[in-house]
N, C-alpha and C. Protein backbone atom coordinates (compact mmCIF):
# COMPACT_ATOMS: atom_id res chain seq x y z
N MET A 1 101.55 119.00 94.23
CA MET A 1 102.62 118.44 95.06
C MET A 1 102.40 116.95 95.23
N ASP A 2 103.46 116.17 95.13
CA ASP A 2 103.39 114.73 95.33
C ASP A 2 103.81 114.38 96.75
N ILE A 3 103.35 113.25 97.22
CA ILE A 3 103.69 112.74 98.53
C ILE A 3 104.29 111.35 98.33
N VAL A 4 105.41 111.08 98.96
CA VAL A 4 106.05 109.78 98.85
C VAL A 4 105.83 109.00 100.13
N ILE A 5 105.25 107.83 100.01
CA ILE A 5 105.10 106.92 101.13
C ILE A 5 106.09 105.78 100.92
N ARG A 6 106.98 105.55 101.87
CA ARG A 6 107.94 104.46 101.77
C ARG A 6 107.57 103.39 102.80
N ALA A 7 107.29 102.20 102.32
CA ALA A 7 106.95 101.10 103.20
C ALA A 7 108.12 100.12 103.22
N ARG A 8 108.64 99.83 104.39
CA ARG A 8 109.78 98.93 104.50
C ARG A 8 109.37 97.64 105.19
N TYR A 9 109.99 96.56 104.78
CA TYR A 9 109.66 95.26 105.32
C TYR A 9 110.91 94.68 105.96
N ARG A 10 110.97 94.71 107.27
CA ARG A 10 112.17 94.35 108.00
C ARG A 10 112.19 92.84 108.29
N MET A 11 113.39 92.31 108.40
CA MET A 11 113.57 90.91 108.73
C MET A 11 114.33 90.80 110.05
N LYS A 12 113.95 89.83 110.88
CA LYS A 12 114.72 89.56 112.09
C LYS A 12 114.45 88.13 112.51
N LEU A 13 115.32 87.59 113.33
CA LEU A 13 115.11 86.26 113.88
C LEU A 13 114.10 86.34 115.00
N ILE A 14 113.22 85.34 115.06
CA ILE A 14 112.27 85.27 116.17
C ILE A 14 112.45 83.93 116.86
N GLY A 15 111.99 83.85 118.10
CA GLY A 15 112.28 82.70 118.92
C GLY A 15 111.35 81.51 118.72
N LEU A 16 110.21 81.71 118.03
CA LEU A 16 109.25 80.63 117.92
C LEU A 16 109.79 79.46 117.11
N THR A 17 110.51 79.77 116.04
CA THR A 17 111.07 78.74 115.18
C THR A 17 112.53 79.08 114.92
N PRO A 18 113.47 78.18 115.18
CA PRO A 18 114.89 78.50 114.94
C PRO A 18 115.13 78.91 113.49
N GLY A 19 115.78 80.04 113.32
CA GLY A 19 116.13 80.47 111.98
C GLY A 19 115.01 81.15 111.23
N ALA A 20 113.87 81.38 111.89
CA ALA A 20 112.76 82.00 111.19
C ALA A 20 113.07 83.45 110.86
N VAL A 21 112.47 83.91 109.79
CA VAL A 21 112.66 85.29 109.35
C VAL A 21 111.31 85.95 109.30
N VAL A 22 111.25 87.19 109.72
CA VAL A 22 109.96 87.87 109.82
C VAL A 22 110.01 89.22 109.11
N ALA A 23 108.93 89.55 108.43
CA ALA A 23 108.80 90.87 107.81
C ALA A 23 107.75 91.65 108.58
N LEU A 24 108.13 92.82 109.07
CA LEU A 24 107.22 93.61 109.88
C LEU A 24 106.24 94.39 109.01
N ALA A 25 105.30 95.04 109.67
CA ALA A 25 104.25 95.77 108.95
C ALA A 25 104.79 97.02 108.28
N CYS A 26 103.94 97.63 107.47
CA CYS A 26 104.32 98.86 106.76
C CYS A 26 104.80 99.93 107.73
N TRP A 27 105.81 100.65 107.32
CA TRP A 27 106.32 101.78 108.10
C TRP A 27 106.23 103.03 107.25
N ASP A 28 105.48 104.00 107.72
CA ASP A 28 105.33 105.26 107.01
C ASP A 28 106.44 106.20 107.49
N ALA A 29 107.45 106.39 106.63
CA ALA A 29 108.61 107.18 107.04
C ALA A 29 108.25 108.65 107.24
N ALA A 30 107.19 109.10 106.56
CA ALA A 30 106.82 110.52 106.68
C ALA A 30 106.25 110.83 108.05
N SER A 31 105.39 109.94 108.57
CA SER A 31 104.75 110.21 109.85
C SER A 31 105.37 109.41 110.99
N ALA A 32 106.32 108.51 110.66
CA ALA A 32 106.97 107.66 111.66
C ALA A 32 105.94 106.86 112.45
N GLN A 33 104.94 106.32 111.75
CA GLN A 33 103.91 105.51 112.39
C GLN A 33 103.71 104.22 111.60
N MET A 34 103.27 103.19 112.31
CA MET A 34 102.89 101.97 111.62
C MET A 34 101.57 102.20 110.91
N ILE A 35 101.45 101.69 109.69
CA ILE A 35 100.20 101.83 108.95
C ILE A 35 99.78 100.47 108.43
N PHE A 36 98.48 100.26 108.33
CA PHE A 36 97.96 99.01 107.79
C PHE A 36 97.27 99.23 106.44
N HIS A 37 96.93 100.43 106.14
CA HIS A 37 96.25 100.70 104.88
C HIS A 37 96.65 102.10 104.42
N GLY A 38 97.58 102.16 103.48
CA GLY A 38 98.08 103.45 103.04
C GLY A 38 97.02 104.28 102.37
N PRO A 39 97.12 105.60 102.47
CA PRO A 39 96.13 106.48 101.85
C PRO A 39 96.38 106.58 100.35
N GLY A 40 95.50 106.05 99.57
CA GLY A 40 95.67 106.16 98.13
C GLY A 40 95.03 105.01 97.39
N ILE A 41 94.77 105.23 96.10
CA ILE A 41 94.20 104.20 95.26
C ILE A 41 94.53 104.53 93.81
N TRP A 42 94.67 103.52 92.96
CA TRP A 42 94.94 103.76 91.55
C TRP A 42 93.68 104.25 90.86
N PRO A 43 93.80 105.23 89.98
CA PRO A 43 92.62 105.72 89.25
C PRO A 43 92.12 104.68 88.26
N LYS A 44 90.85 104.80 87.90
CA LYS A 44 90.23 103.86 86.96
C LYS A 44 89.92 104.55 85.64
N SER A 45 89.96 103.76 84.59
CA SER A 45 89.51 104.20 83.26
C SER A 45 88.50 103.18 82.79
N ASP A 46 87.27 103.64 82.50
CA ASP A 46 86.18 102.74 82.13
C ASP A 46 85.95 101.66 83.19
N GLY A 47 86.10 102.05 84.45
CA GLY A 47 85.81 101.14 85.55
C GLY A 47 86.92 100.18 85.91
N VAL A 48 88.09 100.29 85.27
CA VAL A 48 89.20 99.37 85.52
C VAL A 48 90.46 100.16 85.85
N ALA A 49 91.13 99.77 86.93
CA ALA A 49 92.43 100.36 87.27
C ALA A 49 93.51 99.63 86.49
N ASP A 50 94.22 100.35 85.63
CA ASP A 50 95.25 99.75 84.77
C ASP A 50 96.62 100.11 85.32
N VAL A 51 97.29 99.14 85.93
CA VAL A 51 98.60 99.35 86.55
C VAL A 51 99.63 98.56 85.74
N CYS A 52 100.69 99.22 85.34
CA CYS A 52 101.73 98.52 84.59
C CYS A 52 103.04 98.56 85.38
N TYR A 53 103.93 97.66 85.01
CA TYR A 53 105.22 97.60 85.69
C TYR A 53 106.31 97.18 84.72
N VAL A 54 107.53 97.51 85.05
CA VAL A 54 108.70 97.05 84.31
C VAL A 54 109.66 96.40 85.29
N ILE A 55 110.46 95.48 84.79
CA ILE A 55 111.51 94.86 85.59
C ILE A 55 112.84 95.42 85.11
N ARG A 56 113.55 96.08 86.00
CA ARG A 56 114.81 96.71 85.63
C ARG A 56 115.86 95.66 85.25
N PRO A 57 116.80 96.02 84.37
CA PRO A 57 117.79 95.05 83.88
C PRO A 57 118.66 94.43 84.96
N ASN A 58 118.80 95.08 86.12
CA ASN A 58 119.67 94.48 87.13
C ASN A 58 118.99 93.35 87.91
N ILE A 59 117.73 93.08 87.64
CA ILE A 59 117.07 91.90 88.19
C ILE A 59 117.54 90.69 87.38
N PRO A 60 118.02 89.63 88.02
CA PRO A 60 118.45 88.45 87.26
C PRO A 60 117.32 87.90 86.39
N LEU A 61 117.65 87.45 85.21
CA LEU A 61 116.64 86.90 84.31
C LEU A 61 115.90 85.74 84.95
N SER A 62 116.58 84.99 85.80
CA SER A 62 115.95 83.84 86.45
C SER A 62 114.84 84.25 87.42
N TRP A 63 114.80 85.52 87.79
CA TRP A 63 113.78 86.02 88.69
C TRP A 63 112.51 86.45 87.96
N ASN A 64 112.62 86.75 86.69
CA ASN A 64 111.52 87.40 85.98
C ASN A 64 110.23 86.60 86.04
N ALA A 65 110.32 85.30 85.86
CA ALA A 65 109.11 84.48 85.84
C ALA A 65 108.39 84.54 87.19
N ASP A 66 109.14 84.55 88.29
CA ASP A 66 108.51 84.61 89.60
C ASP A 66 107.90 85.98 89.88
N ILE A 67 108.56 87.04 89.45
CA ILE A 67 108.00 88.38 89.62
C ILE A 67 106.72 88.51 88.80
N ASP A 68 106.77 88.02 87.56
CA ASP A 68 105.57 88.05 86.72
C ASP A 68 104.45 87.21 87.33
N TYR A 69 104.81 86.09 87.92
CA TYR A 69 103.82 85.22 88.56
C TYR A 69 103.08 85.98 89.66
N GLY A 70 103.83 86.71 90.48
CA GLY A 70 103.21 87.48 91.55
C GLY A 70 102.26 88.54 91.02
N ALA A 71 102.66 89.21 89.94
CA ALA A 71 101.77 90.21 89.33
C ALA A 71 100.50 89.56 88.78
N GLN A 72 100.65 88.41 88.15
CA GLN A 72 99.50 87.73 87.55
C GLN A 72 98.49 87.27 88.59
N LEU A 73 98.97 86.91 89.78
CA LEU A 73 98.03 86.52 90.83
C LEU A 73 97.04 87.64 91.11
N TRP A 74 97.53 88.86 91.22
CA TRP A 74 96.64 89.99 91.49
C TRP A 74 95.83 90.37 90.26
N ASP A 75 96.43 90.27 89.09
CA ASP A 75 95.71 90.59 87.86
C ASP A 75 94.50 89.67 87.69
N LEU A 76 94.66 88.40 88.03
CA LEU A 76 93.57 87.44 87.88
C LEU A 76 92.56 87.49 89.03
N ALA A 77 92.91 88.19 90.11
CA ALA A 77 92.05 88.22 91.29
C ALA A 77 90.84 89.11 91.13
N SER A 78 90.89 90.06 90.21
CA SER A 78 89.80 91.03 90.08
C SER A 78 89.64 91.45 88.63
N THR A 79 88.40 91.58 88.21
CA THR A 79 88.11 92.09 86.86
C THR A 79 88.14 93.62 86.83
N LYS A 80 88.34 94.22 88.00
CA LYS A 80 88.33 95.68 88.09
C LYS A 80 89.73 96.28 88.07
N LEU A 81 90.75 95.45 87.84
CA LEU A 81 92.10 95.98 87.71
C LEU A 81 92.91 95.08 86.78
N THR A 82 93.93 95.68 86.18
CA THR A 82 94.90 94.91 85.41
C THR A 82 96.29 95.28 85.91
N LEU A 83 97.15 94.31 85.98
CA LEU A 83 98.54 94.51 86.39
C LEU A 83 99.39 93.85 85.31
N THR A 84 99.95 94.65 84.42
CA THR A 84 100.58 94.12 83.23
C THR A 84 102.03 94.58 83.11
N LYS A 85 102.84 93.75 82.47
CA LYS A 85 104.26 94.01 82.28
C LYS A 85 104.51 94.72 80.97
N HIS A 86 105.44 95.67 80.98
CA HIS A 86 105.83 96.40 79.78
C HIS A 86 107.34 96.43 79.68
N ALA A 87 107.82 96.80 78.52
CA ALA A 87 109.25 96.96 78.32
C ALA A 87 109.75 98.16 79.11
N THR A 88 111.01 98.13 79.50
CA THR A 88 111.59 99.21 80.30
C THR A 88 111.45 100.56 79.61
N ALA A 89 111.49 100.57 78.28
CA ALA A 89 111.46 101.82 77.54
C ALA A 89 110.06 102.44 77.47
N ASN A 90 109.04 101.72 77.89
CA ASN A 90 107.68 102.23 77.80
C ASN A 90 107.51 103.44 78.71
N PRO A 91 107.20 104.61 78.15
CA PRO A 91 107.11 105.81 79.00
C PRO A 91 105.93 105.78 79.95
N GLN A 92 104.93 104.97 79.64
CA GLN A 92 103.74 104.92 80.48
C GLN A 92 104.06 104.43 81.89
N CYS A 93 104.99 103.47 82.00
CA CYS A 93 105.20 102.87 83.31
C CYS A 93 106.67 102.75 83.67
N ARG A 94 107.51 103.59 83.08
CA ARG A 94 108.94 103.46 83.39
C ARG A 94 109.24 103.79 84.85
N PHE A 95 108.35 104.48 85.53
CA PHE A 95 108.57 104.79 86.95
C PHE A 95 107.95 103.73 87.87
N ASN A 96 107.20 102.79 87.31
CA ASN A 96 106.65 101.68 88.08
C ASN A 96 107.55 100.48 87.86
N TYR A 97 108.47 100.22 88.76
CA TYR A 97 109.48 99.23 88.45
C TYR A 97 109.84 98.37 89.65
N VAL A 98 110.48 97.25 89.33
CA VAL A 98 111.07 96.36 90.33
C VAL A 98 112.56 96.28 90.03
N GLN A 99 113.40 96.48 91.03
CA GLN A 99 114.83 96.40 90.81
C GLN A 99 115.53 95.92 92.08
N LYS A 100 116.82 95.60 91.94
CA LYS A 100 117.65 95.22 93.07
C LYS A 100 118.59 96.37 93.42
N ALA A 101 118.87 96.51 94.69
CA ALA A 101 119.86 97.48 95.15
C ALA A 101 120.30 97.07 96.55
N ARG A 102 121.50 97.42 96.91
CA ARG A 102 121.96 97.13 98.26
C ARG A 102 121.26 98.09 99.23
N ILE A 103 120.70 97.52 100.28
CA ILE A 103 119.99 98.34 101.26
C ILE A 103 120.77 98.39 102.57
N ASP A 104 120.86 97.24 103.24
CA ASP A 104 121.53 97.27 104.55
C ASP A 104 122.21 95.95 104.88
N GLY A 105 122.47 95.12 103.90
CA GLY A 105 123.11 93.85 104.18
C GLY A 105 122.11 92.75 104.48
N ARG A 106 122.62 91.54 104.59
CA ARG A 106 121.76 90.38 104.74
C ARG A 106 121.12 90.32 106.12
N GLY A 107 119.85 89.95 106.13
CA GLY A 107 119.17 89.67 107.38
C GLY A 107 118.49 90.84 108.04
N ALA A 108 118.43 92.00 107.41
CA ALA A 108 117.72 93.13 108.01
C ALA A 108 116.50 93.47 107.16
N LEU A 109 116.64 94.33 106.15
CA LEU A 109 115.52 94.65 105.29
C LEU A 109 115.51 93.75 104.06
N LEU A 110 114.36 93.15 103.78
CA LEU A 110 114.17 92.42 102.52
C LEU A 110 114.12 93.41 101.37
N GLY A 111 113.45 94.50 101.60
CA GLY A 111 113.27 95.50 100.56
C GLY A 111 112.25 96.52 101.02
N PHE A 112 111.88 97.41 100.11
CA PHE A 112 110.84 98.37 100.45
C PHE A 112 110.09 98.80 99.20
N VAL A 113 108.91 99.33 99.44
CA VAL A 113 108.06 99.88 98.39
C VAL A 113 107.97 101.38 98.58
N GLU A 114 108.08 102.12 97.49
CA GLU A 114 107.75 103.54 97.52
C GLU A 114 106.55 103.77 96.63
N ARG A 115 105.57 104.45 97.17
CA ARG A 115 104.35 104.76 96.43
C ARG A 115 104.20 106.27 96.39
N ARG A 116 104.11 106.81 95.20
CA ARG A 116 103.99 108.27 95.05
C ARG A 116 102.53 108.63 94.81
N LEU A 117 102.03 109.54 95.64
CA LEU A 117 100.63 109.95 95.58
C LEU A 117 100.51 111.36 95.04
N LYS A 118 99.44 111.62 94.34
CA LYS A 118 99.10 112.98 93.91
C LYS A 118 98.16 113.61 94.94
N THR A 119 98.17 114.93 95.00
CA THR A 119 97.24 115.60 95.91
C THR A 119 95.81 115.51 95.39
N GLU A 120 95.64 115.20 94.11
CA GLU A 120 94.32 114.97 93.54
C GLU A 120 93.64 113.81 94.27
N THR A 121 92.36 113.94 94.58
CA THR A 121 91.64 112.88 95.30
C THR A 121 90.58 112.26 94.40
N ILE A 122 90.31 110.97 94.66
CA ILE A 122 89.25 110.25 93.97
C ILE A 122 88.47 109.47 95.00
N LEU A 123 87.24 109.06 94.65
CA LEU A 123 86.37 108.35 95.58
C LEU A 123 86.67 106.86 95.57
N ASP A 124 86.69 106.25 96.77
CA ASP A 124 86.78 104.80 96.81
C ASP A 124 85.38 104.21 96.77
N CYS A 125 85.28 102.90 96.93
CA CYS A 125 83.99 102.22 96.79
C CYS A 125 82.97 102.67 97.83
N ASP A 126 83.45 103.12 98.99
CA ASP A 126 82.55 103.54 100.07
C ASP A 126 82.30 105.04 100.07
N GLY A 127 82.78 105.71 99.02
CA GLY A 127 82.56 107.15 98.94
C GLY A 127 83.56 107.99 99.69
N HIS A 128 84.66 107.39 100.16
CA HIS A 128 85.70 108.13 100.88
C HIS A 128 86.69 108.72 99.86
N LEU A 129 87.17 109.90 100.17
CA LEU A 129 88.17 110.52 99.31
C LEU A 129 89.56 109.97 99.63
N LEU A 130 90.24 109.46 98.62
CA LEU A 130 91.60 108.98 98.75
C LEU A 130 92.48 109.66 97.72
N GLN A 131 93.75 109.78 98.04
CA GLN A 131 94.65 110.39 97.07
C GLN A 131 94.98 109.41 95.95
N ARG A 132 95.18 109.95 94.78
CA ARG A 132 95.45 109.15 93.60
C ARG A 132 96.90 108.65 93.62
N VAL A 133 97.09 107.35 93.42
CA VAL A 133 98.43 106.80 93.28
C VAL A 133 98.94 107.10 91.87
N GLU A 134 100.12 107.67 91.79
CA GLU A 134 100.70 108.01 90.49
C GLU A 134 101.71 106.96 90.04
N ARG A 135 102.51 106.47 90.97
CA ARG A 135 103.53 105.50 90.62
C ARG A 135 103.91 104.70 91.87
N SER A 136 104.54 103.55 91.62
CA SER A 136 104.98 102.71 92.72
C SER A 136 106.16 101.89 92.25
N HIS A 137 107.10 101.62 93.15
CA HIS A 137 108.20 100.74 92.78
C HIS A 137 108.73 99.99 94.00
N THR A 138 109.40 98.89 93.70
CA THR A 138 109.92 98.00 94.71
C THR A 138 111.43 97.87 94.58
N ILE A 139 112.12 97.96 95.69
CA ILE A 139 113.57 97.70 95.74
C ILE A 139 113.78 96.45 96.60
N LEU A 140 114.50 95.47 96.05
CA LEU A 140 114.84 94.26 96.78
C LEU A 140 116.33 94.27 97.10
N ASP A 141 116.68 93.85 98.30
CA ASP A 141 118.06 93.94 98.77
C ASP A 141 118.94 92.90 98.08
N THR A 142 120.00 93.37 97.45
CA THR A 142 120.93 92.46 96.76
C THR A 142 121.66 91.55 97.74
N ALA A 143 121.74 91.94 99.00
CA ALA A 143 122.51 91.16 99.97
C ALA A 143 121.78 89.91 100.47
N GLU A 144 120.46 89.84 100.26
CA GLU A 144 119.71 88.69 100.75
C GLU A 144 120.00 87.45 99.90
N ALA A 145 119.73 86.29 100.47
CA ALA A 145 119.85 85.02 99.75
C ALA A 145 118.46 84.64 99.24
N TRP A 146 118.25 84.73 97.94
CA TRP A 146 116.95 84.53 97.33
C TRP A 146 116.91 83.19 96.59
N PHE A 147 115.72 82.63 96.48
CA PHE A 147 115.55 81.46 95.62
C PHE A 147 114.29 81.64 94.78
N VAL A 148 114.24 80.94 93.65
CA VAL A 148 113.13 81.08 92.71
C VAL A 148 112.36 79.77 92.60
N GLY A 149 111.16 79.87 92.04
CA GLY A 149 110.35 78.69 91.81
C GLY A 149 109.24 78.52 92.83
N GLY A 150 108.38 77.56 92.56
CA GLY A 150 107.22 77.33 93.40
C GLY A 150 107.44 76.40 94.56
N ALA A 151 108.69 76.01 94.80
CA ALA A 151 109.03 75.15 95.93
C ALA A 151 110.42 75.52 96.41
N PRO A 152 110.71 75.32 97.68
CA PRO A 152 112.06 75.64 98.19
C PRO A 152 113.10 74.68 97.62
N PRO A 153 114.36 75.08 97.63
CA PRO A 153 115.41 74.17 97.17
C PRO A 153 115.43 72.89 98.00
N PRO A 154 115.92 71.79 97.43
CA PRO A 154 116.02 70.54 98.20
C PRO A 154 116.84 70.74 99.48
N ASN A 155 116.36 70.15 100.54
CA ASN A 155 117.06 70.17 101.83
C ASN A 155 117.23 71.59 102.38
N CYS A 156 116.33 72.48 102.01
CA CYS A 156 116.38 73.85 102.53
C CYS A 156 116.15 73.83 104.04
N GLU A 157 116.97 74.54 104.77
CA GLU A 157 116.89 74.55 106.23
C GLU A 157 116.43 75.91 106.73
N LEU A 158 115.72 75.92 107.86
CA LEU A 158 115.16 77.16 108.39
C LEU A 158 116.23 78.18 108.75
N ASN A 159 117.41 77.71 109.09
CA ASN A 159 118.45 78.67 109.45
C ASN A 159 119.24 79.17 108.24
N SER A 160 118.80 78.80 107.03
CA SER A 160 119.50 79.22 105.82
C SER A 160 119.18 80.65 105.42
N ARG A 161 118.06 81.18 105.90
CA ARG A 161 117.60 82.52 105.55
C ARG A 161 117.41 82.68 104.04
N LEU A 162 117.02 81.61 103.36
CA LEU A 162 116.69 81.69 101.94
C LEU A 162 115.28 82.21 101.80
N ILE A 163 115.12 83.24 100.95
CA ILE A 163 113.85 83.95 100.82
C ILE A 163 113.30 83.76 99.40
N SER A 164 111.99 83.56 99.31
CA SER A 164 111.33 83.31 98.03
C SER A 164 111.10 84.60 97.25
N VAL A 165 111.66 84.67 96.04
CA VAL A 165 111.37 85.79 95.14
C VAL A 165 109.89 85.84 94.81
N ARG A 166 109.31 84.67 94.56
CA ARG A 166 107.90 84.61 94.16
C ARG A 166 106.99 85.18 95.24
N GLN A 167 107.19 84.75 96.48
CA GLN A 167 106.31 85.19 97.56
C GLN A 167 106.51 86.67 97.87
N VAL A 168 107.74 87.11 97.97
CA VAL A 168 107.99 88.51 98.27
C VAL A 168 107.49 89.40 97.13
N GLY A 169 107.72 88.96 95.89
CA GLY A 169 107.23 89.73 94.75
C GLY A 169 105.72 89.89 94.78
N ALA A 170 105.01 88.80 95.04
CA ALA A 170 103.54 88.86 95.11
C ALA A 170 103.08 89.75 96.25
N HIS A 171 103.75 89.64 97.40
CA HIS A 171 103.41 90.48 98.55
C HIS A 171 103.59 91.96 98.22
N GLU A 172 104.71 92.27 97.56
CA GLU A 172 104.98 93.67 97.23
C GLU A 172 103.98 94.22 96.22
N PHE A 173 103.58 93.41 95.24
CA PHE A 173 102.57 93.88 94.29
C PHE A 173 101.25 94.14 94.99
N GLY A 174 100.96 93.38 96.05
CA GLY A 174 99.78 93.70 96.84
C GLY A 174 99.86 95.09 97.43
N HIS A 175 101.06 95.47 97.91
CA HIS A 175 101.23 96.83 98.43
C HIS A 175 101.14 97.87 97.33
N TRP A 176 101.59 97.54 96.13
CA TRP A 176 101.40 98.46 95.00
C TRP A 176 99.91 98.81 94.87
N LEU A 177 99.07 97.80 95.02
CA LEU A 177 97.64 97.99 94.85
C LEU A 177 96.95 98.51 96.10
N VAL A 178 97.75 98.83 97.12
CA VAL A 178 97.28 99.41 98.38
C VAL A 178 96.50 98.39 99.21
N VAL A 179 96.77 97.12 99.00
CA VAL A 179 96.16 96.08 99.83
C VAL A 179 96.87 96.07 101.18
N LYS A 180 96.10 96.04 102.25
CA LYS A 180 96.66 96.17 103.59
C LYS A 180 97.12 94.82 104.15
N HIS A 181 97.97 94.90 105.16
CA HIS A 181 98.28 93.71 105.94
C HIS A 181 97.04 93.31 106.75
N PRO A 182 96.80 92.02 106.93
CA PRO A 182 95.68 91.61 107.79
C PRO A 182 95.95 91.99 109.23
N LYS A 183 94.93 92.48 109.90
CA LYS A 183 95.09 92.86 111.30
C LYS A 183 94.98 91.65 112.23
N LEU A 184 94.31 90.61 111.77
CA LEU A 184 94.21 89.39 112.56
C LEU A 184 95.29 88.41 112.13
N VAL A 185 95.47 87.37 112.91
CA VAL A 185 96.48 86.35 112.58
C VAL A 185 95.96 85.52 111.41
N GLN A 186 96.53 85.75 110.24
CA GLN A 186 96.11 85.07 109.01
C GLN A 186 97.36 84.60 108.26
N PRO A 187 98.04 83.56 108.75
CA PRO A 187 99.32 83.16 108.14
C PRO A 187 99.20 82.70 106.69
N ALA A 188 98.01 82.30 106.25
CA ALA A 188 97.85 81.84 104.87
C ALA A 188 97.78 82.99 103.88
N ASP A 189 97.55 84.20 104.35
CA ASP A 189 97.41 85.34 103.46
C ASP A 189 98.74 85.71 102.82
N MET A 190 98.70 86.06 101.54
CA MET A 190 99.90 86.58 100.89
C MET A 190 100.33 87.88 101.55
N MET A 191 99.38 88.63 102.06
CA MET A 191 99.68 89.92 102.68
C MET A 191 99.98 89.81 104.17
N TRP A 192 100.02 88.60 104.71
CA TRP A 192 100.47 88.41 106.09
C TRP A 192 101.91 88.90 106.17
N PRO A 193 102.23 89.79 107.11
CA PRO A 193 103.54 90.47 107.07
C PRO A 193 104.69 89.68 107.67
N PHE A 194 104.60 88.36 107.67
CA PHE A 194 105.68 87.53 108.18
C PHE A 194 106.06 86.49 107.13
N THR A 195 107.34 86.22 107.01
CA THR A 195 107.79 85.17 106.13
C THR A 195 108.94 84.42 106.80
N TYR A 196 109.20 83.22 106.34
CA TYR A 196 110.21 82.36 106.94
C TYR A 196 111.16 81.85 105.87
N SER A 197 112.33 81.46 106.28
CA SER A 197 113.25 80.79 105.37
C SER A 197 112.55 79.60 104.73
N CYS A 198 112.78 79.42 103.42
CA CYS A 198 112.30 78.24 102.68
C CYS A 198 110.80 78.25 102.46
N GLN A 199 110.10 79.31 102.83
CA GLN A 199 108.65 79.36 102.65
C GLN A 199 108.29 79.90 101.27
N VAL A 200 107.29 79.29 100.63
CA VAL A 200 106.76 79.79 99.36
C VAL A 200 105.24 79.75 99.41
N LYS A 201 104.61 80.84 99.03
CA LYS A 201 103.16 80.85 98.84
C LYS A 201 102.90 81.05 97.35
N ASN A 202 102.10 80.17 96.77
CA ASN A 202 101.86 80.20 95.33
C ASN A 202 100.48 80.73 94.95
N ALA A 203 99.68 81.12 95.94
CA ALA A 203 98.32 81.57 95.64
C ALA A 203 97.88 82.62 96.65
N LEU A 204 96.97 83.47 96.23
CA LEU A 204 96.34 84.41 97.15
C LEU A 204 95.32 83.66 97.99
N SER A 205 95.10 84.16 99.18
CA SER A 205 94.06 83.58 100.04
C SER A 205 92.72 84.24 99.74
N ALA A 206 91.67 83.68 100.30
CA ALA A 206 90.35 84.29 100.15
C ALA A 206 90.34 85.70 100.75
N ASN A 207 91.08 85.91 101.83
CA ASN A 207 91.16 87.24 102.43
C ASN A 207 91.85 88.24 101.51
N ASP A 208 92.95 87.81 100.87
CA ASP A 208 93.64 88.69 99.92
C ASP A 208 92.70 89.13 98.81
N VAL A 209 91.97 88.17 98.26
CA VAL A 209 91.06 88.46 97.15
C VAL A 209 89.94 89.38 97.61
N ALA A 210 89.40 89.13 98.79
CA ALA A 210 88.33 89.99 99.32
C ALA A 210 88.81 91.42 99.49
N GLU A 211 90.05 91.60 99.95
CA GLU A 211 90.59 92.95 100.15
C GLU A 211 90.69 93.69 98.82
N VAL A 212 91.22 93.04 97.79
CA VAL A 212 91.37 93.73 96.52
C VAL A 212 90.00 93.99 95.88
N HIS A 213 89.04 93.10 96.07
CA HIS A 213 87.69 93.35 95.57
C HIS A 213 87.08 94.56 96.26
N ASN A 214 87.30 94.68 97.55
CA ASN A 214 86.76 95.80 98.30
C ASN A 214 87.38 97.13 97.84
N LEU A 215 88.68 97.10 97.57
CA LEU A 215 89.37 98.32 97.16
C LEU A 215 88.94 98.79 95.79
N TYR A 216 88.69 97.84 94.87
CA TYR A 216 88.43 98.21 93.48
C TYR A 216 87.00 97.91 93.06
N CYS A 217 86.11 97.86 94.05
CA CYS A 217 84.66 97.90 93.82
C CYS A 217 84.15 96.72 93.01
N GLN A 218 84.59 95.52 93.33
CA GLN A 218 84.06 94.35 92.64
C GLN A 218 83.07 93.63 93.55
């Protein structure tokens, strides 16, 4: 039997900065509880977790480079995992995908991740039994206003609600790999569960890298 964990990342205005947009922590729809570290881990072959992904055709071509950029950040972060892109037709990873779909309109959900777990368990680095991740995919809301590239558009304003494909893509790939949100205030982390209009993060933080090393035994 498989178990589906759906993690949603909600957006709302907050009072600290006019026009700011925030993404809340993981929400486990099955247990209706907030979670910081989902139960599961990708299996390894010869000591390396090999995770592949495809980008569905309804993702604009202009987004592909930023989505790939986010995957490459995690791929380069650890020698104990690979995160590689394949053609949509590849049967190995056709269920591991990124696509766009209408969710709830602009300004509410940015998107969500679904991670499918097997009842089969494997040991993590500390000897704990975790369920094996079988597949994962990301849905991004078509209604949001997205921008691409390593910098915000010229004259981008905080009340514009423009969201970075690159940053959200990298954040979501972190959830694919079961990297948790930081429990402490760590705004520099890619996995920090808050984002703002016009914000772009182009690199993982030391905390992000430490988390993935801990998960995959580096």
